[in-house]
C-alpha cells in the first residue's frame, strides 16, 4: 500500500495553537490528560478561573456534564493523577 493511499487519522478536536485564548483553556479543561496545574503553568489561570471560563463559555448542560466528569475523574489534579498511576502500576505487577 502506498503511503498516500493510507487513510489519515483526523483529530476530532485539535489543540488550539495559542495558549492564551479561552478556546485553548476550554480544550484543555475537557482533555483528561491535562491537569489544572498544567493549565495554570501555561496560562496562569487557577482552577476557579477555569471553572468561571467554562461556566461563561459553554452551554449550561455541557458545564454540568463537565463538572460531573471532573469530580468523578481523579486525573485533573496532578497529585491524584500520580496516585492513580501508581495504583495501575502496582495492579499490573
PDB file of N, CA and C in Angstrom:
ATOM      1  N   UNK A   1       0.840  -1.178   0.000  1.00  0.00           N
ATOM      2  CA  UNK A   1       0.000   0.000   0.000  1.00  0.00           C
ATOM      3  C   UNK A   1       0.889   1.247   0.000  1.00  0.00           C
ATOM      4  N   UNK A   2       0.607   2.148  -0.881  1.00  0.00           N
ATOM      5  CA  UNK A   2       1.378   3.376  -0.962  1.00  0.00           C
ATOM      6  C   UNK A   2       1.073   4.273   0.225  1.00  0.00           C
ATOM      7  N   UNK A   3       2.046   5.096   0.547  1.00  0.00           N
ATOM      8  CA  UNK A   3       1.903   5.977   1.692  1.00  0.00           C
ATOM      9  C   UNK A   3       0.716   6.926   1.530  1.00  0.00           C
ATOM     10  N   UNK A   4       0.529   7.468   0.346  1.00  0.00           N
ATOM     11  CA  UNK A   4      -0.563   8.414   0.136  1.00  0.00           C
ATOM     12  C   UNK A   4      -1.929   7.738   0.061  1.00  0.00           C
ATOM     13  N   UNK A   5      -1.948   6.400  -0.069  1.00  0.00           N
ATOM     14  CA  UNK A   5      -3.209   5.673  -0.100  1.00  0.00           C
ATOM     15  C   UNK A   5      -3.736   5.356   1.298  1.00  0.00           C
ATOM     16  N   UNK A   6      -2.877   5.475   2.287  1.00  0.00           N
ATOM     17  CA  UNK A   6      -3.297   5.174   3.662  1.00  0.00           C
ATOM     18  C   UNK A   6      -4.282   6.232   4.157  1.00  0.00           C
ATOM     19  N   UNK A   7      -5.257   5.801   4.937  1.00  0.00           N
ATOM     20  CA  UNK A   7      -6.177   6.802   5.497  1.00  0.00           C
ATOM     21  C   UNK A   7      -5.457   7.660   6.532  1.00  0.00           C
ATOM     22  N   UNK A   8      -5.809   8.910   6.598  1.00  0.00           N
ATOM     23  CA  UNK A   8      -5.202   9.823   7.556  1.00  0.00           C
ATOM     24  C   UNK A   8      -6.098   9.903   8.789  1.00  0.00           C
ATOM     25  N   UNK A   9      -5.470   9.839   9.933  1.00  0.00           N
ATOM     26  CA  UNK A   9      -6.208   9.946  11.179  1.00  0.00           C
ATOM     27  C   UNK A   9      -6.475  11.419  11.446  1.00  0.00           C
ATOM     28  N   UNK A  10      -7.726  11.732  11.671  1.00  0.00           N
ATOM     29  CA  UNK A  10      -8.097  13.109  11.967  1.00  0.00           C
ATOM     30  C   UNK A  10      -8.497  13.206  13.424  1.00  0.00           C
ATOM     31  N   UNK A  11      -8.066  14.260  14.065  1.00  0.00           N
ATOM     32  CA  UNK A  11      -8.421  14.511  15.452  1.00  0.00           C
ATOM     33  C   UNK A  11      -9.739  15.254  15.452  1.00  0.00           C
ATOM     34  N   UNK A  12     -10.645  14.784  16.307  1.00  0.00           N
ATOM     35  CA  UNK A  12     -11.967  15.403  16.353  1.00  0.00           C
ATOM     36  C   UNK A  12     -11.881  16.860  16.804  1.00  0.00           C
ATOM     37  N   UNK A  13     -11.158  17.100  17.879  1.00  0.00           N
ATOM     38  CA  UNK A  13     -10.975  18.451  18.387  1.00  0.00           C
ATOM     39  C   UNK A  13      -9.479  18.730  18.510  1.00  0.00           C
ATOM     40  N   UNK A  14      -8.848  19.272  17.468  1.00  0.00           N
ATOM     41  CA  UNK A  14      -7.402  19.527  17.542  1.00  0.00           C
ATOM     42  C   UNK A  14      -7.083  20.625  18.562  1.00  0.00           C
ATOM     43  N   UNK A  15      -5.875  20.583  19.074  1.00  0.00           N
ATOM     44  CA  UNK A  15      -5.448  21.562  20.066  1.00  0.00           C
ATOM     45  C   UNK A  15      -5.314  22.943  19.440  1.00  0.00           C
ATOM     46  N   UNK A  16      -5.967  23.964  20.021  1.00  0.00           N
ATOM     47  CA  UNK A  16      -5.766  25.334  19.523  1.00  0.00           C
ATOM     48  C   UNK A  16      -4.311  25.752  19.710  1.00  0.00           C
ATOM     49  N   UNK A  17      -3.828  26.572  18.818  1.00  0.00           N
ATOM     50  CA  UNK A  17      -2.400  26.898  18.809  1.00  0.00           C
ATOM     51  C   UNK A  17      -1.983  27.899  19.882  1.00  0.00           C
ATOM     52  N   UNK A  18      -2.865  28.809  20.295  1.00  0.00           N
ATOM     53  CA  UNK A  18      -2.487  29.856  21.250  1.00  0.00           C
ATOM     54  C   UNK A  18      -2.968  29.500  22.650  1.00  0.00           C
ATOM     55  N   UNK A  19      -2.042  29.461  23.604  1.00  0.00           N
ATOM     56  CA  UNK A  19      -2.378  29.110  24.983  1.00  0.00           C
ATOM     57  C   UNK A  19      -3.224  30.165  25.687  1.00  0.00           C
ATOM     58  N   UNK A  20      -3.138  31.389  25.269  1.00  0.00           N
ATOM     59  CA  UNK A  20      -3.785  32.475  25.993  1.00  0.00           C
ATOM     60  C   UNK A  20      -5.235  32.722  25.600  1.00  0.00           C
ATOM     61  N   UNK A  21      -5.797  31.859  24.787  1.00  0.00           N
ATOM     62  CA  UNK A  21      -7.189  32.044  24.399  1.00  0.00           C
ATOM     63  C   UNK A  21      -8.098  31.165  25.247  1.00  0.00           C
ATOM     64  N   UNK A  22      -9.351  31.575  25.330  1.00  0.00           N
ATOM     65  CA  UNK A  22     -10.334  30.770  26.038  1.00  0.00           C
ATOM     66  C   UNK A  22     -10.553  29.438  25.334  1.00  0.00           C
ATOM     67  N   UNK A  23     -10.374  29.413  24.024  1.00  0.00           N
ATOM     68  CA  UNK A  23     -10.529  28.159  23.281  1.00  0.00           C
ATOM     69  C   UNK A  23      -9.550  27.103  23.783  1.00  0.00           C
ATOM     70  N   UNK A  24      -8.301  27.504  24.010  1.00  0.00           N
ATOM     71  CA  UNK A  24      -7.316  26.539  24.494  1.00  0.00           C
ATOM     72  C   UNK A  24      -7.653  26.091  25.910  1.00  0.00           C
ATOM     73  N   UNK A  25      -8.098  27.025  26.746  1.00  0.00           N
ATOM     74  CA  UNK A  25      -8.440  26.683  28.131  1.00  0.00           C
ATOM     75  C   UNK A  25      -9.607  25.697  28.163  1.00  0.00           C
ATOM     76  N   UNK A  26     -10.615  25.929  27.323  1.00  0.00           N
ATOM     77  CA  UNK A  26     -11.759  25.016  27.254  1.00  0.00           C
ATOM     78  C   UNK A  26     -11.309  23.657  26.733  1.00  0.00           C
ATOM     79  N   UNK A  27     -10.466  23.654  25.712  1.00  0.00           N
ATOM     80  CA  UNK A  27      -9.954  22.397  25.160  1.00  0.00           C
ATOM     81  C   UNK A  27      -9.182  21.624  26.227  1.00  0.00           C
ATOM     82  N   UNK A  28      -8.331  22.324  26.963  1.00  0.00           N
ATOM     83  CA  UNK A  28      -7.512  21.680  27.986  1.00  0.00           C
ATOM     84  C   UNK A  28      -8.371  21.195  29.158  1.00  0.00           C
ATOM     85  N   UNK A  29      -9.411  21.947  29.492  1.00  0.00           N
ATOM     86  CA  UNK A  29     -10.280  21.544  30.593  1.00  0.00           C
ATOM     87  C   UNK A  29     -11.028  20.257  30.258  1.00  0.00           C
ATOM     88  N   UNK A  30     -11.412  20.091  29.004  1.00  0.00           N
ATOM     89  CA  UNK A  30     -12.098  18.867  28.589  1.00  0.00           C
ATOM     90  C   UNK A  30     -11.130  17.697  28.447  1.00  0.00           C
ATOM     91  N   UNK A  31      -9.863  17.970  28.172  1.00  0.00           N
ATOM     92  CA  UNK A  31      -8.886  16.896  27.966  1.00  0.00           C
ATOM     93  C   UNK A  31      -8.583  16.209  29.292  1.00  0.00           C
ATOM     94  N   UNK A  32      -8.660  14.892  29.289  1.00  0.00           N
ATOM     95  CA  UNK A  32      -8.446  14.132  30.518  1.00  0.00           C
ATOM     96  C   UNK A  32      -7.001  14.152  30.966  1.00  0.00           C
ATOM     97  N   UNK A  33      -6.081  14.230  30.059  1.00  0.00           N
ATOM     98  CA  UNK A  33      -4.664  14.111  30.404  1.00  0.00           C
ATOM     99  C   UNK A  33      -3.997  15.429  30.774  1.00  0.00           C
ATOM    100  N   UNK A  34      -4.749  16.505  30.770  1.00  0.00           N
ATOM    101  CA  UNK A  34      -4.174  17.805  31.135  1.00  0.00           C
ATOM    102  C   UNK A  34      -4.730  18.206  32.493  1.00  0.00           C
ATOM    103  N   UNK A  35      -3.845  18.379  33.458  1.00  0.00           N
ATOM    104  CA  UNK A  35      -4.271  18.705  34.814  1.00  0.00           C
ATOM    105  C   UNK A  35      -4.467  20.215  34.965  1.00  0.00           C
ATOM    106  N   UNK A  36      -5.158  20.590  36.047  1.00  0.00           N
ATOM    107  CA  UNK A  36      -5.341  22.012  36.324  1.00  0.00           C
ATOM    108  C   UNK A  36      -4.001  22.688  36.590  1.00  0.00           C
ATOM    109  N   UNK A  37      -3.060  21.954  37.143  1.00  0.00           N
ATOM    110  CA  UNK A  37      -1.733  22.521  37.389  1.00  0.00           C
ATOM    111  C   UNK A  37      -1.027  22.875  36.087  1.00  0.00           C
ATOM    112  N   UNK A  38      -1.167  22.007  35.075  1.00  0.00           N
ATOM    113  CA  UNK A  38      -0.566  22.300  33.772  1.00  0.00           C
ATOM    114  C   UNK A  38      -1.232  23.510  33.124  1.00  0.00           C
ATOM    115  N   UNK A  39      -2.543  23.607  33.262  1.00  0.00           N
ATOM    116  CA  UNK A  39      -3.256  24.779  32.730  1.00  0.00           C
ATOM    117  C   UNK A  39      -2.741  26.033  33.424  1.00  0.00           C
ATOM    118  N   UNK A  40      -2.537  25.955  34.732  1.00  0.00           N
ATOM    119  CA  UNK A  40      -2.039  27.107  35.486  1.00  0.00           C
ATOM    120  C   UNK A  40      -0.623  27.494  35.048  1.00  0.00           C
ATOM    121  N   UNK A  41       0.221  26.486  34.801  1.00  0.00           N
ATOM    122  CA  UNK A  41       1.594  26.759  34.363  1.00  0.00           C
ATOM    123  C   UNK A  41       1.630  27.461  33.007  1.00  0.00           C
ATOM    124  N   UNK A  42       0.740  27.065  32.107  1.00  0.00           N
ATOM    125  CA  UNK A  42       0.771  27.616  30.745  1.00  0.00           C
ATOM    126  C   UNK A  42       0.005  28.921  30.601  1.00  0.00           C
ATOM    127  N   UNK A  43      -1.074  29.090  31.382  1.00  0.00           N
ATOM    128  CA  UNK A  43      -1.928  30.265  31.181  1.00  0.00           C
ATOM    129  C   UNK A  43      -2.020  31.175  32.384  1.00  0.00           C
ATOM    130  N   UNK A  44      -1.494  30.729  33.533  1.00  0.00           N
ATOM    131  CA  UNK A  44      -1.583  31.469  34.784  1.00  0.00           C
ATOM    132  C   UNK A  44      -3.033  31.613  35.267  1.00  0.00           C
ATOM    133  N   UNK A  45      -3.887  30.687  34.888  1.00  0.00           N
ATOM    134  CA  UNK A  45      -5.280  30.657  35.343  1.00  0.00           C
ATOM    135  C   UNK A  45      -5.423  29.571  36.402  1.00  0.00           C
ATOM    136  N   UNK A  46      -6.079  29.910  37.512  1.00  0.00           N
ATOM    137  CA  UNK A  46      -6.294  28.930  38.564  1.00  0.00           C
ATOM    138  C   UNK A  46      -7.485  28.043  38.206  1.00  0.00           C
ATOM    139  N   UNK A  47      -7.698  27.023  39.028  1.00  0.00           N
ATOM    140  CA  UNK A  47      -8.835  26.125  38.789  1.00  0.00           C
ATOM    141  C   UNK A  47     -10.150  26.890  38.833  1.00  0.00           C
ATOM    142  N   UNK A  48     -10.292  27.818  39.778  1.00  0.00           N
ATOM    143  CA  UNK A  48     -11.532  28.593  39.863  1.00  0.00           C
ATOM    144  C   UNK A  48     -11.709  29.496  38.645  1.00  0.00           C
ATOM    145  N   UNK A  49     -10.608  30.019  38.100  1.00  0.00           N
ATOM    146  CA  UNK A  49     -10.696  30.811  36.870  1.00  0.00           C
ATOM    147  C   UNK A  49     -11.169  29.951  35.701  1.00  0.00           C
ATOM    148  N   UNK A  50     -10.647  28.729  35.636  1.00  0.00           N
ATOM    149  CA  UNK A  50     -11.049  27.809  34.567  1.00  0.00           C
ATOM    150  C   UNK A  50     -12.535  27.485  34.690  1.00  0.00           C
ATOM    151  N   UNK A  51     -13.002  27.261  35.906  1.00  0.00           N
ATOM    152  CA  UNK A  51     -14.423  26.971  36.128  1.00  0.00           C
ATOM    153  C   UNK A  51     -15.285  28.149  35.684  1.00  0.00           C
ATOM    154  N   UNK A  52     -14.847  29.361  36.008  1.00  0.00           N
ATOM    155  CA  UNK A  52     -15.601  30.555  35.594  1.00  0.00           C
ATOM    156  C   UNK A  52     -15.648  30.684  34.073  1.00  0.00           C
ATOM    157  N   UNK A  53     -14.517  30.431  33.424  1.00  0.00           N
ATOM    158  CA  UNK A  53     -14.466  30.494  31.954  1.00  0.00           C
ATOM    159  C   UNK A  53     -15.394  29.449  31.349  1.00  0.00           C
ATOM    160  N   UNK A  54     -15.347  28.240  31.890  1.00  0.00           N
ATOM    161  CA  UNK A  54     -16.217  27.170  31.387  1.00  0.00           C
ATOM    162  C   UNK A  54     -17.684  27.530  31.590  1.00  0.00           C
ATOM    163  N   UNK A  55     -18.015  28.067  32.744  1.00  0.00           N
ATOM    164  CA  UNK A  55     -19.408  28.427  33.034  1.00  0.00           C
ATOM    165  C   UNK A  55     -19.918  29.492  32.056  1.00  0.00           C
ATOM    166  N   UNK A  56     -19.050  30.459  31.719  1.00  0.00           N
ATOM    167  CA  UNK A  56     -19.446  31.538  30.799  1.00  0.00           C
ATOM    168  C   UNK A  56     -19.498  31.094  29.347  1.00  0.00           C
ATOM    169  N   UNK A  57     -18.619  30.152  28.978  1.00  0.00           N
ATOM    170  CA  UNK A  57     -18.394  29.888  27.558  1.00  0.00           C
ATOM    171  C   UNK A  57     -19.169  28.718  26.969  1.00  0.00           C
ATOM    172  N   UNK A  58     -19.586  27.785  27.788  1.00  0.00           N
ATOM    173  CA  UNK A  58     -20.284  26.626  27.230  1.00  0.00           C
ATOM    174  C   UNK A  58     -21.718  26.579  27.738  1.00  0.00           C
ATOM    175  N   UNK A  59     -22.518  25.747  27.105  1.00  0.00           N
ATOM    176  CA  UNK A  59     -23.928  25.626  27.487  1.00  0.00           C
ATOM    177  C   UNK A  59     -24.047  25.115  28.918  1.00  0.00           C
ATOM    178  N   UNK A  60     -25.122  25.489  29.615  1.00  0.00           N
ATOM    179  CA  UNK A  60     -25.296  25.019  30.997  1.00  0.00           C
ATOM    180  C   UNK A  60     -25.283  23.493  31.129  1.00  0.00           C
ATOM    181  N   UNK A  61     -25.896  22.803  30.199  1.00  0.00           N
ATOM    182  CA  UNK A  61     -25.909  21.332  30.284  1.00  0.00           C
ATOM    183  C   UNK A  61     -24.512  20.765  30.065  1.00  0.00           C
ATOM    184  N   UNK A  62     -23.742  21.369  29.172  1.00  0.00           N
ATOM    185  CA  UNK A  62     -22.355  20.930  28.945  1.00  0.00           C
ATOM    186  C   UNK A  62     -21.493  21.218  30.169  1.00  0.00           C
ATOM    187  N   UNK A  63     -21.743  22.357  30.806  1.00  0.00           N
ATOM    188  CA  UNK A  63     -20.991  22.694  32.015  1.00  0.00           C
ATOM    189  C   UNK A  63     -21.268  21.676  33.117  1.00  0.00           C
ATOM    190  N   UNK A  64     -22.530  21.309  33.304  1.00  0.00           N
ATOM    191  CA  UNK A  64     -22.879  20.322  34.317  1.00  0.00           C
ATOM    192  C   UNK A  64     -22.212  18.974  34.022  1.00  0.00           C
ATOM    193  N   UNK A  65     -22.226  18.584  32.757  1.00  0.00           N
ATOM    194  CA  UNK A  65     -21.547  17.342  32.356  1.00  0.00           C
ATOM    195  C   UNK A  65     -20.056  17.397  32.673  1.00  0.00           C
ATOM    196  N   UNK A  66     -19.436  18.522  32.343  1.00  0.00           N
ATOM    197  CA  UNK A  66     -18.010  18.683  32.575  1.00  0.00           C
ATOM    198  C   UNK A  66     -17.684  18.631  34.066  1.00  0.00           C
ATOM    199  N   UNK A  67     -18.476  19.325  34.887  1.00  0.00           N
ATOM    200  CA  UNK A  67     -18.233  19.336  36.332  1.00  0.00           C
ATOM    201  C   UNK A  67     -18.381  17.937  36.912  1.00  0.00           C
ATOM    202  N   UNK A  68     -19.390  17.206  36.462  1.00  0.00           N
ATOM    203  CA  UNK A  68     -19.594  15.837  36.926  1.00  0.00           C
ATOM    204  C   UNK A  68     -18.390  14.973  36.543  1.00  0.00           C
ATOM    205  N   UNK A  69     -17.926  15.156  35.322  1.00  0.00           N
ATOM    206  CA  UNK A  69     -16.787  14.378  34.828  1.00  0.00           C
ATOM    207  C   UNK A  69     -15.509  14.706  35.591  1.00  0.00           C
ATOM    208  N   UNK A  70     -15.275  15.981  35.855  1.00  0.00           N
ATOM    209  CA  UNK A  70     -14.070  16.403  36.570  1.00  0.00           C
ATOM    210  C   UNK A  70     -14.105  15.903  38.010  1.00  0.00           C
ATOM    211  N   UNK A  71     -15.268  15.930  38.621  1.00  0.00           N
ATOM    212  CA  UNK A  71     -15.367  15.473  40.012  1.00  0.00           C
ATOM    213  C   UNK A  71     -15.232  13.963  40.124  1.00  0.00           C
ATOM    214  N   UNK A  72     -15.658  13.225  39.137  1.00  0.00           N
ATOM    215  CA  UNK A  72     -15.554  11.769  39.178  1.00  0.00           C
ATOM    216  C   UNK A  72     -14.159  11.288  38.823  1.00  0.00           C
ATOM    217  N   UNK A  73     -13.516  11.923  37.882  1.00  0.00           N
ATOM    218  CA  UNK A  73     -12.174  11.506  37.462  1.00  0.00           C
ATOM    219  C   UNK A  73     -11.145  12.123  38.405  1.00  0.00           C
ATOM    220  N   UNK A  74     -10.196  11.323  38.786  1.00  0.00           N
ATOM    221  CA  UNK A  74      -9.202  11.818  39.729  1.00  0.00           C
ATOM    222  C   UNK A  74      -7.953  12.316  39.015  1.00  0.00           C
ATOM    223  N   UNK A  75      -8.001  12.460  37.704  1.00  0.00           N
ATOM    224  CA  UNK A  75      -6.774  12.796  36.986  1.00  0.00           C
ATOM    225  C   UNK A  75      -6.670  14.273  36.605  1.00  0.00           C
ATOM    226  N   UNK A  76      -7.594  15.101  37.032  1.00  0.00           N
ATOM    227  CA  UNK A  76      -7.489  16.523  36.713  1.00  0.00           C
ATOM    228  C   UNK A  76      -6.569  17.256  37.696  1.00  0.00           C
ATOM    229  N   UNK A  77      -6.142  16.576  38.759  1.00  0.00           N
ATOM    230  CA  UNK A  77      -5.186  17.139  39.697  1.00  0.00           C
ATOM    231  C   UNK A  77      -3.940  16.265  39.669  1.00  0.00           C
ATOM    232  N   UNK A  78      -2.788  16.898  39.581  1.00  0.00           N
ATOM    233  CA  UNK A  78      -1.533  16.178  39.380  1.00  0.00           C
ATOM    234  C   UNK A  78      -1.270  15.150  40.484  1.00  0.00           C
ATOM    235  N   UNK A  79      -1.509  15.519  41.736  1.00  0.00           N
ATOM    236  CA  UNK A  79      -1.226  14.603  42.841  1.00  0.00           C
ATOM    237  C   UNK A  79      -2.109  13.357  42.737  1.00  0.00           C
ATOM    238  N   UNK A  80      -3.393  13.558  42.463  1.00  0.00           N
ATOM    239  CA  UNK A  80      -4.302  12.416  42.319  1.00  0.00           C
ATOM    240  C   UNK A  80      -3.944  11.599  41.082  1.00  0.00           C
ATOM    241  N   UNK A  81      -3.506  12.274  40.034  1.00  0.00           N
ATOM    242  CA  UNK A  81      -3.107  11.585  38.808  1.00  0.00           C
ATOM    243  C   UNK A  81      -1.934  10.644  39.083  1.00  0.00           C
ATOM    244  N   UNK A  82      -0.954  11.127  39.827  1.00  0.00           N
ATOM    245  CA  UNK A  82       0.218  10.315  40.149  1.00  0.00           C
ATOM    246  C   UNK A  82      -0.182   9.117  41.011  1.00  0.00           C
ATOM    247  N   UNK A  83      -1.068   9.337  41.970  1.00  0.00           N
ATOM    248  CA  UNK A  83      -1.532   8.245  42.827  1.00  0.00           C
ATOM    249  C   UNK A  83      -2.247   7.186  41.996  1.00  0.00           C
ATOM    250  N   UNK A  84      -3.106   7.612  41.071  1.00  0.00           N
ATOM    251  CA  UNK A  84      -3.819   6.660  40.212  1.00  0.00           C
ATOM    252  C   UNK A  84      -2.849   5.868  39.343  1.00  0.00           C
ATOM    253  N   UNK A  85      -1.825   6.523  38.828  1.00  0.00           N
ATOM    254  CA  UNK A  85      -0.821   5.844  38.011  1.00  0.00           C
ATOM    255  C   UNK A  85      -0.082   4.786  38.831  1.00  0.00           C
ATOM    256  N   UNK A  86       0.245   5.122  40.067  1.00  0.00           N
ATOM    257  CA  UNK A  86       0.933   4.165  40.932  1.00  0.00           C
ATOM    258  C   UNK A  86       0.048   2.953  41.205  1.00  0.00           C
ATOM    259  N   UNK A  87      -1.246   3.174  41.401  1.00  0.00           N
ATOM    260  CA  UNK A  87      -2.180   2.063  41.619  1.00  0.00           C
ATOM    261  C   UNK A  87      -2.201   1.143  40.406  1.00  0.00           C
ATOM    262  N   UNK A  88      -2.223   1.741  39.212  1.00  0.00           N
ATOM    263  CA  UNK A  88      -2.237   0.939  37.988  1.00  0.00           C
ATOM    264  C   UNK A  88      -0.946   0.144  37.841  1.00  0.00           C
ATOM    265  N   UNK A  89       0.192   0.755  38.148  1.00  0.00           N
ATOM    266  CA  UNK A  89       1.466   0.055  38.051  1.00  0.00           C
ATOM    267  C   UNK A  89       1.504  -1.126  39.012  1.00  0.00           C
ATOM    268  N   UNK A  90       1.047  -0.907  40.245  1.00  0.00           N
ATOM    269  CA  UNK A  90       1.050  -1.957  41.255  1.00  0.00           C
ATOM    270  C   UNK A  90       0.060  -3.063  40.914  1.00  0.00           C
ATOM    271  N   UNK A  91      -1.025  -2.689  40.262  1.00  0.00           N
ATOM    272  CA  UNK A  91      -2.036  -3.661  39.873  1.00  0.00           C
ATOM    273  C   UNK A  91      -1.493  -4.606  38.796  1.00  0.00           C
ATOM    274  N   UNK A  92      -0.708  -4.072  37.877  1.00  0.00           N
ATOM    275  CA  UNK A  92      -0.137  -4.873  36.783  1.00  0.00           C
ATOM    276  C   UNK A  92       0.927  -5.835  37.289  1.00  0.00           C
ATOM    277  N   UNK A  93       1.651  -5.422  38.344  1.00  0.00           N
ATOM    278  CA  UNK A  93       2.745  -6.273  38.857  1.00  0.00           C
ATOM    279  C   UNK A  93       2.260  -7.469  39.581  1.00  0.00           C
TER     280      UNK A  93
END
